[in-house]
Amino acid sequence: MNIRRPTCSPLSRRHFLTRVAIIGAAATASGVVAQPAHAVPTPEPGRRDVSPAERRLRERHKKVLTGLTSTNGWEMERVVDDHGSIYTRPVPGTPLDGLQVRIGDVDVVLVHLVRRFHYEIDELRRGEVVGWCPPVKVRRRRPESALASGTAVRIRPGHCPVGSRGNLQDLEVAVVRDILAELDGVVRWGGDDQVPEESLFYLDVPPGDERLTAVATRIRGWSDEADSGAGTFIDVTSPDRRRAARALERRQRTR
């Protein structure tokens, strides 16, 4: 038996083009557009290419910065001498190997303080002054946290146990008070805290404070004057200096 198979009649060119046009119009109306096989995939929302320079910057921040601030408002850093803000700075006129502190105005002020202590209170030896400490080794809610932000120093910590007073003689305390007054109160002495730490000296102003810049500028200017700055004769018993020291002491001890 012969079975007749259906035959497909060929479409005319006009009919074929008409069908293509209808299909294309429907796809456009529905918002669906065919993509070629080699098209670049659309990036995921929120993602973008990161340049090598930006990637290095992010890695540096991850390695150096903690995202945490010490009690005086400065950011604590994980490393020293490694592309952060805290480096080993020289302390001229002393046998110290250097002081690890925040560079800029901060190091100018703290190095000056250490130098005056060395010249006017007692000569310091290697290892007797400590600057930066890793954040994991300080208590974040205590003034000592300023060590981790490079904004504090400890001078002879072994001689001044935390919580004790009277570790310095009267004349030594007078020099400390004079130094603080000379620095216009931008540095605070741990001996004035509720829980005293007489070896600790830390910055008492936040980042960007104009007083810090003014004091550091004045100290830098003393390097051009023969009779000014650390290492020159300073009469801490003069009436004017004593008045300034006592006034600052009253302000800082009432906090």
Protein backbone atom coordinates (compact mmCIF):
# COMPACT_ATOMS: atom_id res chain seq x y z
CA MET A 1 0.00 0.00 0.00
CA ASN A 2 1.33 3.34 -0.93
CA ILE A 3 1.28 5.95 1.86
CA ARG A 4 1.29 9.49 0.76
CA ARG A 5 3.66 11.57 2.90
CA PRO A 6 2.70 15.16 3.51
CA THR A 7 4.79 17.58 1.63
CA CYS A 8 5.94 20.99 2.90
CA SER A 9 5.31 23.59 0.38
CA PRO A 10 8.18 26.07 0.16
CA LEU A 11 7.60 29.53 1.65
CA SER A 12 7.76 32.43 -0.64
CA ARG A 13 10.53 34.95 0.05
CA ARG A 14 7.92 37.57 0.89
CA HIS A 15 6.13 35.27 3.34
CA PHE A 16 9.46 34.34 5.02
CA LEU A 17 10.52 37.96 5.52
CA THR A 18 7.10 38.81 6.86
CA ARG A 19 7.35 36.05 9.53
CA VAL A 20 10.86 37.19 10.55
CA ALA A 21 9.67 40.75 10.93
CA ILE A 22 6.74 39.65 13.12
CA ILE A 23 8.96 37.53 15.39
CA GLY A 24 11.53 40.35 15.74
CA ALA A 25 8.86 42.87 16.61
CA ALA A 26 7.43 40.56 19.28
CA ALA A 27 10.85 40.01 20.84
CA THR A 28 11.55 43.74 20.94
CA ALA A 29 8.16 44.47 22.49
CA SER A 30 8.75 41.92 25.25
CA GLY A 31 12.26 43.32 26.02
CA VAL A 32 14.08 40.17 24.94
CA VAL A 33 17.04 40.79 22.65
CA ALA A 34 19.14 37.94 21.38
CA GLN A 35 22.81 38.05 22.39
CA PRO A 36 25.62 36.79 20.22
CA ALA A 37 27.46 33.74 21.54
CA HIS A 38 30.65 35.71 22.23
CA ALA A 39 29.05 38.57 24.18
CA VAL A 40 30.81 39.68 27.42
CA PRO A 41 28.73 38.77 30.51
CA THR A 42 27.22 41.67 32.39
CA PRO A 43 29.17 42.34 35.65
CA GLU A 44 27.45 41.37 38.87
CA PRO A 45 25.72 44.27 40.64
CA GLY A 46 28.06 46.12 43.03
CA ARG A 47 31.24 44.66 41.55
CA ARG A 48 33.82 46.56 39.58
CA ASP A 49 37.33 46.06 38.39
CA VAL A 50 40.03 47.11 40.88
CA SER A 51 43.23 48.65 39.61
CA PRO A 52 46.58 47.24 40.82
CA ALA A 53 47.29 50.50 42.65
CA GLU A 54 43.97 50.37 44.48
CA ARG A 55 44.51 46.71 45.30
CA ARG A 56 47.90 47.51 46.83
CA LEU A 57 46.33 50.32 48.83
CA ARG A 58 43.66 48.00 50.19
CA GLU A 59 46.25 45.39 51.12
CA ARG A 60 48.32 48.06 52.89
CA HIS A 61 45.30 49.23 54.87
CA LYS A 62 44.46 45.68 55.83
CA LYS A 63 48.03 45.05 56.97
CA VAL A 64 48.53 48.34 58.83
CA LEU A 65 45.23 49.77 60.00
CA THR A 66 42.94 48.36 62.69
CA GLY A 67 39.85 50.52 62.30
CA LEU A 68 40.06 51.12 66.07
CA THR A 69 41.05 54.29 67.89
CA SER A 70 42.93 54.81 71.12
CA THR A 71 41.28 56.76 73.91
CA ASN A 72 42.67 60.02 72.54
CA GLY A 73 41.05 59.52 69.12
CA TRP A 74 44.02 58.38 67.00
CA GLU A 75 43.89 55.17 64.98
CA MET A 76 45.87 52.23 66.31
CA GLU A 77 48.17 50.47 63.83
CA ARG A 78 49.33 46.86 63.66
CA VAL A 79 52.89 47.41 62.43
CA VAL A 80 55.70 49.93 62.62
CA ASP A 81 58.24 51.05 59.99
CA ASP A 82 56.10 49.43 57.29
CA HIS A 83 54.16 51.92 55.13
CA GLY A 84 51.98 53.15 57.98
CA SER A 85 52.12 56.36 60.02
CA ILE A 86 54.37 55.08 62.81
CA TYR A 87 58.13 54.93 62.35
CA THR A 88 61.30 54.83 64.43
CA ARG A 89 62.48 58.39 64.93
CA PRO A 90 65.89 59.49 66.27
CA VAL A 91 66.19 61.18 69.67
CA PRO A 92 69.18 63.52 69.23
CA GLY A 93 71.54 63.91 72.17
CA THR A 94 70.58 60.62 73.82
CA PRO A 95 71.90 57.05 73.56
CA LEU A 96 68.42 55.78 72.71
CA ASP A 97 68.20 53.62 69.57
CA GLY A 98 65.14 55.58 68.47
CA LEU A 99 61.54 56.16 69.38
CA GLN A 100 58.66 54.47 67.56
CA VAL A 101 56.00 57.17 67.28
CA ARG A 102 53.61 58.68 64.76
CA ILE A 103 55.56 60.80 62.30
CA GLY A 104 54.89 64.49 61.84
CA ASP A 105 53.81 66.89 64.56
CA VAL A 106 53.36 64.04 67.05
CA ASP A 107 56.95 62.82 66.86
CA VAL A 108 58.26 66.39 67.11
CA VAL A 109 56.39 66.90 70.39
CA LEU A 110 57.13 63.51 71.97
CA VAL A 111 60.81 63.50 71.00
CA HIS A 112 61.16 66.98 72.54
CA LEU A 113 59.56 65.71 75.76
CA VAL A 114 61.92 62.74 75.97
CA ARG A 115 64.95 64.92 75.31
CA ARG A 116 64.05 67.34 78.09
CA PHE A 117 63.54 64.43 80.48
CA HIS A 118 66.99 63.13 79.54
CA TYR A 119 68.72 66.49 80.01
CA GLU A 120 66.87 67.80 83.07
CA ILE A 121 65.67 64.81 85.12
CA ASP A 122 68.02 61.90 84.51
CA GLU A 123 70.08 60.50 81.66
CA LEU A 124 68.19 57.77 79.83
CA ARG A 125 69.74 54.53 78.69
CA ARG A 126 68.89 52.20 75.85
CA GLY A 127 65.65 50.35 76.47
CA GLU A 128 64.32 52.82 79.04
CA VAL A 129 61.86 54.52 76.71
CA VAL A 130 59.05 52.64 74.97
CA GLY A 131 56.93 54.04 72.15
CA TRP A 132 54.56 52.07 69.94
CA CYS A 133 53.15 48.79 71.22
CA PRO A 134 50.98 46.30 69.27
CA PRO A 135 47.24 46.87 69.80
CA VAL A 136 46.84 43.39 71.30
CA LYS A 137 49.24 44.34 74.12
CA VAL A 138 47.39 47.42 75.40
CA ARG A 139 44.03 47.90 77.09
CA ARG A 140 41.82 49.74 74.63
CA ARG A 141 39.78 51.62 77.24
CA ARG A 142 42.81 52.92 79.11
CA PRO A 143 45.15 55.81 78.24
CA GLU A 144 47.89 53.27 77.49
CA SER A 145 46.02 52.50 74.25
CA ALA A 146 47.68 55.65 72.88
CA LEU A 147 50.88 53.63 72.64
CA ALA A 148 49.30 51.53 69.86
CA SER A 149 48.43 54.67 67.89
CA GLY A 150 51.98 56.01 68.17
CA THR A 151 50.86 58.97 70.28
CA ALA A 152 52.41 58.06 73.64
CA VAL A 153 55.65 57.06 75.33
CA ARG A 154 56.57 55.26 78.51
CA ILE A 155 59.72 56.48 80.26
CA ARG A 156 61.26 53.94 82.61
CA PRO A 157 58.08 51.93 83.10
CA GLY A 158 59.86 49.53 85.42
CA HIS A 159 60.53 52.37 87.87
CA CYS A 160 56.90 53.55 87.99
CA PRO A 161 54.47 50.67 88.61
CA VAL A 162 50.90 51.27 87.42
CA GLY A 163 48.70 52.46 90.28
CA SER A 164 51.53 53.92 92.35
CA ARG A 165 52.37 57.55 93.04
CA GLY A 166 55.45 59.33 94.35
CA ASN A 167 57.96 57.64 92.06
CA LEU A 168 59.48 61.01 91.10
CA GLN A 169 61.10 63.50 93.43
CA ASP A 170 59.62 66.99 93.87
CA LEU A 171 62.12 68.70 91.58
CA GLU A 172 61.60 66.00 88.94
CA VAL A 173 57.85 66.55 89.12
CA ALA A 174 58.45 70.29 88.73
CA VAL A 175 60.34 69.63 85.49
CA VAL A 176 57.56 67.35 84.24
CA ARG A 177 55.00 70.08 84.96
CA ASP A 178 57.14 72.65 83.18
CA ILE A 179 57.46 70.43 80.10
CA LEU A 180 53.70 69.91 79.94
CA ALA A 181 53.10 73.65 80.24
CA GLU A 182 55.69 74.37 77.57
CA LEU A 183 53.72 72.01 75.31
CA ASP A 184 50.52 73.98 76.01
CA GLY A 185 48.77 70.94 77.45
CA VAL A 186 48.73 68.90 74.22
CA VAL A 187 50.40 66.12 76.23
CA ARG A 188 49.00 64.62 79.42
CA TRP A 189 50.95 62.89 82.19
CA GLY A 190 49.67 59.51 83.30
CA GLY A 191 50.48 60.53 86.87
CA ASP A 192 47.37 62.74 86.81
CA ASP A 193 44.99 59.93 85.86
CA GLN A 194 42.63 58.28 88.32
CA VAL A 195 44.69 55.12 88.00
CA PRO A 196 48.13 56.70 87.90
CA GLU A 197 50.88 55.57 85.58
CA GLU A 198 53.74 57.99 86.15
CA SER A 199 55.87 56.58 83.33
CA LEU A 200 53.20 57.33 80.70
CA PHE A 201 52.97 60.51 78.63
CA TYR A 202 50.33 60.66 75.90
CA LEU A 203 48.84 63.08 73.43
CA ASP A 204 45.75 64.77 74.86
CA VAL A 205 44.31 66.23 71.64
CA PRO A 206 42.54 64.54 68.70
CA PRO A 207 43.79 64.43 65.09
CA GLY A 208 43.65 67.78 63.35
CA ASP A 209 43.81 69.87 66.53
CA GLU A 210 45.44 73.21 65.72
CA ARG A 211 47.18 73.38 69.11
CA LEU A 212 49.32 70.38 68.21
CA THR A 213 50.42 72.00 64.96
CA ALA A 214 51.22 75.28 66.73
CA VAL A 215 53.36 73.59 69.39
CA ALA A 216 55.23 71.44 66.87
CA THR A 217 55.92 74.50 64.70
CA ARG A 218 57.33 76.35 67.70
CA ILE A 219 59.61 73.44 68.61
CA ARG A 220 60.91 73.20 65.05
CA GLY A 221 61.73 76.90 65.18
CA TRP A 222 63.89 76.41 68.27
CA SER A 223 66.38 74.39 66.23
CA ASP A 224 67.49 77.69 64.65
CA GLU A 225 67.98 79.39 68.01
CA ALA A 226 71.08 78.75 70.10
CA ASP A 227 69.43 79.37 73.48
CA SER A 228 66.09 77.61 73.00
CA GLY A 229 64.77 74.07 73.05
CA ALA A 230 65.84 70.88 74.77
CA GLY A 231 69.39 70.86 76.07
CA THR A 232 69.51 74.57 76.89
CA PHE A 233 69.25 76.07 80.37
CA ILE A 234 65.63 76.35 81.51
CA ASP A 235 64.78 77.80 84.92
CA VAL A 236 61.70 75.81 85.88
CA THR A 237 61.48 77.79 89.15
CA SER A 238 60.93 81.16 87.47
CA PRO A 239 57.61 82.74 88.56
CA ASP A 240 56.12 82.89 85.08
CA ARG A 241 56.89 79.27 84.31
CA ARG A 242 55.65 78.09 87.69
CA ARG A 243 52.36 79.95 87.26
CA ALA A 244 51.83 78.38 83.84
CA ALA A 245 52.70 74.94 85.17
CA ARG A 246 50.34 75.21 88.15
CA ALA A 247 47.49 76.49 85.99
CA LEU A 248 47.81 73.55 83.62
CA GLU A 249 48.12 71.12 86.54
CA ARG A 250 44.81 72.35 87.95
CA ARG A 251 43.08 71.92 84.59
CA GLN A 252 44.43 68.45 83.90
CA ARG A 253 44.06 67.02 87.41
CA THR A 254 40.36 67.95 87.62
CA ARG A 255 39.47 65.68 84.69
